[in-house]
Amino acid sequence: MDRLVRVVWDDAWADHGWSDETEAGPVTCMSVGFVVQETTKGILLAQSVSQSGFGSMWFVPSDMIVSVYHLKLGETA
């Protein structure tokens, strides 16, 4: 698992309680993770990777993705 990426994606906007807000739109988010799978439907990322599997996975649908930046894995500290 050597593909580390930063995904910029649009998420839904929500409010709670009373509001007089009449305009809303998507909220731009950024996530960093290891690519588990990438298809035309979207990208599946994992926060952690081990020999026995993946930890804390999440999926971002293609229609929500703004951009994907491939990050260089550095040397150990």
N, C-alpha and C. Protein backbone atom coordinates (compact mmCIF):
# COMPACT_ATOMS: atom_id res chain seq x y z
N MET A 1 0.86 -1.18 0.00
CA MET A 1 0.00 0.00 0.00
C MET A 1 0.89 1.23 0.00
N ASP A 2 1.21 1.72 -1.18
CA ASP A 2 2.15 2.83 -1.25
C ASP A 2 1.60 4.06 -1.93
N ARG A 3 0.27 4.10 -2.10
CA ARG A 3 -0.34 5.29 -2.71
C ARG A 3 -1.02 6.12 -1.64
N LEU A 4 -0.36 7.19 -1.25
CA LEU A 4 -0.91 8.13 -0.27
C LEU A 4 -1.42 9.33 -1.05
N VAL A 5 -2.66 9.74 -0.80
CA VAL A 5 -3.25 10.84 -1.56
C VAL A 5 -3.95 11.83 -0.63
N ARG A 6 -4.13 13.03 -1.17
CA ARG A 6 -5.00 14.04 -0.54
C ARG A 6 -6.16 14.24 -1.51
N VAL A 7 -7.37 14.00 -1.03
CA VAL A 7 -8.56 14.14 -1.86
C VAL A 7 -9.30 15.41 -1.43
N VAL A 8 -9.56 16.29 -2.39
CA VAL A 8 -10.39 17.47 -2.16
C VAL A 8 -11.76 17.12 -2.69
N TRP A 9 -12.80 17.28 -1.84
CA TRP A 9 -14.14 16.84 -2.24
C TRP A 9 -15.20 17.74 -1.63
N ASP A 10 -16.34 17.79 -2.31
CA ASP A 10 -17.47 18.59 -1.84
C ASP A 10 -18.41 17.72 -1.02
N ASP A 11 -18.75 18.20 0.17
CA ASP A 11 -19.66 17.48 1.06
C ASP A 11 -20.96 18.28 1.18
N ALA A 12 -21.97 17.63 1.69
CA ALA A 12 -23.26 18.29 1.91
C ALA A 12 -23.14 19.31 3.05
N TRP A 13 -23.94 20.34 3.01
CA TRP A 13 -23.99 21.36 4.06
C TRP A 13 -25.23 21.11 4.90
N ALA A 14 -25.11 21.32 6.19
CA ALA A 14 -26.26 21.15 7.09
C ALA A 14 -26.23 22.21 8.17
N ASP A 15 -27.38 22.49 8.72
CA ASP A 15 -27.51 23.43 9.83
C ASP A 15 -28.41 22.78 10.86
N HIS A 16 -28.36 23.24 12.07
CA HIS A 16 -29.22 22.70 13.11
C HIS A 16 -29.93 23.85 13.82
N GLY A 17 -31.06 23.57 14.38
CA GLY A 17 -31.81 24.60 15.09
C GLY A 17 -32.49 25.58 14.15
N TRP A 18 -32.93 26.69 14.69
CA TRP A 18 -33.59 27.73 13.92
C TRP A 18 -32.58 28.54 13.13
N SER A 19 -32.97 28.95 11.92
CA SER A 19 -32.07 29.72 11.09
C SER A 19 -32.85 30.51 10.07
N ASP A 20 -32.30 31.67 9.70
CA ASP A 20 -32.91 32.43 8.60
C ASP A 20 -32.02 32.36 7.36
N GLU A 21 -31.07 31.42 7.38
CA GLU A 21 -30.19 31.19 6.23
C GLU A 21 -31.01 30.71 5.04
N THR A 22 -30.85 31.38 3.90
CA THR A 22 -31.61 30.98 2.71
C THR A 22 -30.72 30.51 1.57
N GLU A 23 -29.40 30.62 1.75
CA GLU A 23 -28.48 30.15 0.72
C GLU A 23 -27.55 29.12 1.32
N ALA A 24 -27.37 28.04 0.61
CA ALA A 24 -26.47 26.99 1.06
C ALA A 24 -25.80 26.35 -0.14
N GLY A 25 -24.74 25.68 0.11
CA GLY A 25 -24.04 24.99 -0.96
C GLY A 25 -23.10 23.98 -0.36
N PRO A 26 -22.38 23.28 -1.21
CA PRO A 26 -21.47 22.26 -0.71
C PRO A 26 -20.32 22.88 0.09
N VAL A 27 -19.77 22.09 0.99
CA VAL A 27 -18.62 22.48 1.78
C VAL A 27 -17.42 21.71 1.24
N THR A 28 -16.35 22.41 0.90
CA THR A 28 -15.16 21.76 0.37
C THR A 28 -14.34 21.19 1.52
N CYS A 29 -14.02 19.90 1.42
CA CYS A 29 -13.27 19.17 2.45
C CYS A 29 -11.99 18.60 1.86
N MET A 30 -11.05 18.27 2.73
CA MET A 30 -9.83 17.59 2.32
C MET A 30 -9.62 16.38 3.22
N SER A 31 -9.26 15.26 2.62
CA SER A 31 -8.96 14.04 3.36
C SER A 31 -7.65 13.47 2.84
N VAL A 32 -6.86 12.88 3.74
CA VAL A 32 -5.60 12.24 3.37
C VAL A 32 -5.69 10.77 3.77
N GLY A 33 -5.29 9.88 2.88
CA GLY A 33 -5.32 8.46 3.21
C GLY A 33 -4.61 7.61 2.17
N PHE A 34 -4.52 6.32 2.50
CA PHE A 34 -3.95 5.35 1.58
C PHE A 34 -5.05 4.83 0.66
N VAL A 35 -4.78 4.75 -0.64
CA VAL A 35 -5.76 4.28 -1.61
C VAL A 35 -5.90 2.77 -1.47
N VAL A 36 -7.11 2.32 -1.15
CA VAL A 36 -7.43 0.90 -1.09
C VAL A 36 -7.95 0.45 -2.44
N GLN A 37 -8.83 1.28 -3.02
CA GLN A 37 -9.41 0.98 -4.33
C GLN A 37 -9.86 2.28 -4.97
N GLU A 38 -9.68 2.37 -6.28
CA GLU A 38 -10.13 3.53 -7.05
C GLU A 38 -10.82 3.02 -8.30
N THR A 39 -12.09 3.40 -8.46
CA THR A 39 -12.88 2.98 -9.62
C THR A 39 -13.59 4.19 -10.20
N THR A 40 -14.38 3.97 -11.23
CA THR A 40 -15.16 5.06 -11.81
C THR A 40 -16.23 5.54 -10.84
N LYS A 41 -16.58 4.73 -9.84
CA LYS A 41 -17.59 5.12 -8.84
C LYS A 41 -17.02 6.01 -7.75
N GLY A 42 -15.70 5.94 -7.52
CA GLY A 42 -15.10 6.76 -6.48
C GLY A 42 -13.80 6.18 -5.96
N ILE A 43 -13.39 6.67 -4.80
CA ILE A 43 -12.13 6.26 -4.22
C ILE A 43 -12.35 5.81 -2.78
N LEU A 44 -11.75 4.66 -2.44
CA LEU A 44 -11.83 4.10 -1.10
C LEU A 44 -10.48 4.32 -0.44
N LEU A 45 -10.48 5.03 0.69
CA LEU A 45 -9.26 5.36 1.40
C LEU A 45 -9.23 4.68 2.77
N ALA A 46 -8.03 4.46 3.27
CA ALA A 46 -7.84 3.93 4.63
C ALA A 46 -6.91 4.85 5.39
N GLN A 47 -7.23 5.08 6.65
CA GLN A 47 -6.37 5.90 7.50
C GLN A 47 -5.12 5.12 7.90
N SER A 48 -5.30 3.82 8.13
CA SER A 48 -4.19 2.97 8.56
C SER A 48 -4.15 1.69 7.75
N VAL A 49 -2.95 1.13 7.60
CA VAL A 49 -2.75 -0.12 6.86
C VAL A 49 -1.84 -1.02 7.67
N SER A 50 -2.19 -2.31 7.74
CA SER A 50 -1.33 -3.28 8.41
C SER A 50 -1.30 -4.56 7.58
N GLN A 51 -0.54 -5.55 8.02
CA GLN A 51 -0.48 -6.82 7.30
C GLN A 51 -1.82 -7.54 7.34
N SER A 52 -2.64 -7.25 8.35
CA SER A 52 -3.91 -7.96 8.49
C SER A 52 -5.12 -7.19 7.95
N GLY A 53 -4.91 -5.99 7.42
CA GLY A 53 -6.05 -5.28 6.85
C GLY A 53 -5.92 -3.77 6.92
N PHE A 54 -7.07 -3.11 6.86
CA PHE A 54 -7.15 -1.66 6.79
C PHE A 54 -7.93 -1.12 7.98
N GLY A 55 -7.56 0.08 8.43
CA GLY A 55 -8.26 0.71 9.54
C GLY A 55 -8.90 2.02 9.14
N SER A 56 -10.08 2.26 9.65
CA SER A 56 -10.80 3.54 9.44
C SER A 56 -10.91 3.90 7.96
N MET A 57 -11.70 3.11 7.23
CA MET A 57 -11.87 3.35 5.80
C MET A 57 -13.06 4.28 5.54
N TRP A 58 -12.99 5.01 4.45
CA TRP A 58 -14.10 5.83 3.99
C TRP A 58 -14.07 5.91 2.47
N PHE A 59 -15.26 6.13 1.90
CA PHE A 59 -15.44 6.16 0.45
C PHE A 59 -15.93 7.53 0.03
N VAL A 60 -15.32 8.10 -1.01
CA VAL A 60 -15.77 9.37 -1.57
C VAL A 60 -16.24 9.10 -3.00
N PRO A 61 -17.53 9.33 -3.29
CA PRO A 61 -18.05 9.11 -4.64
C PRO A 61 -17.41 10.05 -5.67
N SER A 62 -17.24 9.57 -6.88
CA SER A 62 -16.61 10.34 -7.96
C SER A 62 -17.24 11.71 -8.17
N ASP A 63 -18.56 11.77 -8.11
CA ASP A 63 -19.25 13.04 -8.36
C ASP A 63 -18.94 14.10 -7.32
N MET A 64 -18.41 13.70 -6.17
CA MET A 64 -18.09 14.64 -5.09
C MET A 64 -16.62 15.06 -5.11
N ILE A 65 -15.78 14.35 -5.89
CA ILE A 65 -14.35 14.63 -5.91
C ILE A 65 -14.03 15.84 -6.77
N VAL A 66 -13.30 16.79 -6.19
CA VAL A 66 -12.82 17.97 -6.91
C VAL A 66 -11.45 17.67 -7.52
N SER A 67 -10.55 17.08 -6.70
CA SER A 67 -9.21 16.75 -7.19
C SER A 67 -8.57 15.71 -6.28
N VAL A 68 -7.57 15.01 -6.84
CA VAL A 68 -6.80 14.02 -6.09
C VAL A 68 -5.33 14.34 -6.31
N TYR A 69 -4.60 14.55 -5.21
CA TYR A 69 -3.17 14.84 -5.27
C TYR A 69 -2.41 13.65 -4.72
N HIS A 70 -1.48 13.13 -5.48
CA HIS A 70 -0.65 12.02 -5.02
C HIS A 70 0.49 12.58 -4.19
N LEU A 71 0.65 12.07 -2.97
CA LEU A 71 1.67 12.55 -2.04
C LEU A 71 2.86 11.61 -2.05
N LYS A 72 4.02 12.15 -1.93
CA LYS A 72 5.25 11.36 -1.95
C LYS A 72 5.50 10.81 -0.55
N LEU A 73 5.76 9.52 -0.46
CA LEU A 73 6.11 8.90 0.81
C LEU A 73 7.57 9.21 1.10
N GLY A 74 7.84 9.75 2.27
CA GLY A 74 9.20 10.14 2.60
C GLY A 74 9.97 9.05 3.34
N GLU A 75 11.19 9.38 3.70
CA GLU A 75 12.03 8.46 4.44
C GLU A 75 11.62 8.50 5.91
N THR A 76 11.99 7.47 6.65
CA THR A 76 11.67 7.42 8.06
C THR A 76 12.43 8.50 8.81
N ALA A 77 11.84 8.96 9.89
CA ALA A 77 12.44 10.05 10.68
C ALA A 77 13.59 9.57 11.53
